[in-house]
Amino acid sequence: MAKHNKLVIVTEKLLLKPIAKIIDDAGATGYTVMACGGKGSRNVRSSGQPNVSDTYANVKIEVLTTDREMALKISDQVAVQFFEDYSGIIYICEAEILHAHKLGQIQCYEGVADE
């Protein structure tokens, strides 16, 4: 079973496109995006459902990389470019790929287990 790094970025939805560009430019093969909410130092944030507008919604972006340096490069660029003005958190953990299936150019990972 292959060991990978799972980079997780939780931030404001309006940053999704520029962060996706950073991820693509770093050479990552893909990422997963989920709507999210929670409570932190800036109080409670809704997941955006139901809501009239999702302008203030948060997203959780997960990127699997085989190279820790790639994950750190993405993390550093996102933090420097956005986290002075926008809320967010980035963390990295080890992931073990249990099953991987290629669907055209997209690689989907099922059953990723964090240690």
Protein backbone atom coordinates (compact mmCIF):
# COMPACT_ATOMS: atom_id res chain seq x y z
CA MET A 1 0.00 0.00 0.00
CA ALA A 2 1.37 3.36 -1.05
CA LYS A 3 2.05 6.13 1.45
CA HIS A 4 1.00 9.64 0.44
CA ASN A 5 0.64 13.04 2.02
CA LYS A 6 -2.85 14.45 2.42
CA LEU A 7 -2.84 18.24 2.38
CA VAL A 8 -6.07 19.75 3.73
CA ILE A 9 -6.97 23.40 3.20
CA VAL A 10 -10.08 24.80 4.91
CA THR A 11 -10.87 28.33 3.83
CA GLU A 12 -13.41 30.67 2.29
CA LYS A 13 -15.16 29.48 -0.86
CA LEU A 14 -14.27 32.59 -2.84
CA LEU A 15 -10.62 31.43 -2.76
CA LEU A 16 -11.37 28.09 -4.45
CA LYS A 17 -10.39 29.09 -8.01
CA PRO A 18 -7.07 30.76 -7.16
CA ILE A 19 -6.14 27.91 -4.79
CA ALA A 20 -7.05 25.36 -7.48
CA LYS A 21 -4.66 27.16 -9.83
CA ILE A 22 -1.86 26.93 -7.24
CA ILE A 23 -2.55 23.20 -6.86
CA ASP A 24 -2.56 22.65 -10.64
CA ASP A 25 0.58 24.75 -11.16
CA ALA A 26 2.39 22.70 -8.49
CA GLY A 27 1.79 19.57 -10.56
CA ALA A 28 -0.78 17.80 -8.39
CA THR A 29 -2.93 15.35 -10.37
CA GLY A 30 -6.17 16.42 -8.70
CA TYR A 31 -8.00 17.45 -5.57
CA THR A 32 -11.34 17.02 -3.80
CA VAL A 33 -13.54 19.93 -2.66
CA MET A 34 -16.30 19.75 -0.04
CA ALA A 35 -18.57 22.40 1.45
CA CYS A 36 -17.90 22.69 5.16
CA GLY A 37 -18.67 24.69 8.28
CA GLY A 38 -17.71 24.71 11.91
CA LYS A 39 -16.57 26.81 14.82
CA GLY A 40 -13.19 28.38 15.35
CA SER A 41 -11.49 31.56 16.51
CA ARG A 42 -13.72 33.57 14.16
CA ASN A 43 -16.94 32.08 15.59
CA VAL A 44 -19.40 29.73 13.84
CA ARG A 45 -19.35 29.37 10.05
CA SER A 46 -22.25 27.74 8.26
CA SER A 47 -21.78 25.03 5.65
CA GLY A 48 -23.93 27.24 3.42
CA GLN A 49 -27.02 25.01 3.44
CA PRO A 50 -29.71 26.21 3.25
CA ASN A 51 -28.80 29.77 2.46
CA VAL A 52 -29.72 32.48 -0.02
CA SER A 53 -26.08 33.12 -0.89
CA ASP A 54 -22.96 31.03 -0.40
CA THR A 55 -20.64 34.04 -0.58
CA TYR A 56 -19.51 33.41 2.98
CA ALA A 57 -19.39 29.61 2.72
CA ASN A 58 -16.28 27.61 3.56
CA VAL A 59 -14.69 24.80 1.58
CA LYS A 60 -12.37 21.96 2.49
CA ILE A 61 -9.87 21.09 -0.24
CA GLU A 62 -7.96 17.80 0.00
CA VAL A 63 -4.89 17.07 -2.13
CA LEU A 64 -3.03 13.75 -2.14
CA THR A 65 0.64 13.98 -3.08
CA THR A 66 3.41 11.41 -3.21
CA ASP A 67 5.95 14.15 -2.53
CA ARG A 68 5.85 16.04 0.79
CA GLU A 69 7.73 18.93 -0.84
CA MET A 70 4.85 19.46 -3.28
CA ALA A 71 2.37 19.58 -0.40
CA LEU A 72 4.53 22.11 1.48
CA LYS A 73 4.96 24.23 -1.66
CA ILE A 74 1.18 24.42 -2.14
CA SER A 75 0.67 25.15 1.56
CA ASP A 76 3.24 27.94 1.65
CA GLN A 77 1.88 29.64 -1.47
CA VAL A 78 -1.72 29.55 -0.21
CA ALA A 79 -0.76 30.87 3.23
CA VAL A 80 1.41 33.70 1.88
CA GLN A 81 -1.07 34.80 -0.79
CA PHE A 82 -4.33 34.59 1.17
CA PHE A 83 -4.17 34.03 4.93
CA GLU A 84 -3.23 37.57 5.85
CA ASP A 85 -6.62 38.74 4.53
CA TYR A 86 -8.82 35.61 4.68
CA SER A 87 -9.51 32.97 7.30
CA GLY A 88 -8.22 29.47 6.82
CA ILE A 89 -6.21 26.58 8.16
CA ILE A 90 -3.89 24.14 6.42
CA TYR A 91 -2.70 20.82 7.77
CA ILE A 92 -0.93 17.77 6.43
CA CYS A 93 -1.15 14.15 7.46
CA GLU A 94 0.01 10.80 6.18
CA ALA A 95 -2.46 8.82 4.09
CA GLU A 96 -2.29 5.23 2.98
CA ILE A 97 -3.99 4.50 -0.34
CA LEU A 98 -6.03 1.32 -0.05
CA HIS A 99 -7.71 1.36 -3.47
CA ALA A 100 -7.04 3.58 -6.48
CA HIS A 101 -8.98 3.63 -9.75
CA LYS A 102 -8.17 5.74 -12.80
CA LEU A 103 -11.12 7.31 -14.59
CA GLY A 104 -9.76 8.91 -17.75
CA GLN A 105 -7.52 11.75 -16.62
CA ILE A 106 -9.05 11.80 -13.12
CA GLN A 107 -7.70 9.53 -10.40
CA CYS A 108 -10.18 8.72 -7.64
CA TYR A 109 -9.04 7.30 -4.32
CA GLU A 110 -11.40 5.18 -2.28
CA GLY A 111 -10.88 4.20 1.33
CA VAL A 112 -8.08 6.62 2.21
CA ALA A 113 -7.06 5.90 5.79
CA ASP A 114 -5.33 8.52 7.91
CA GLU A 115 -2.82 7.42 10.48
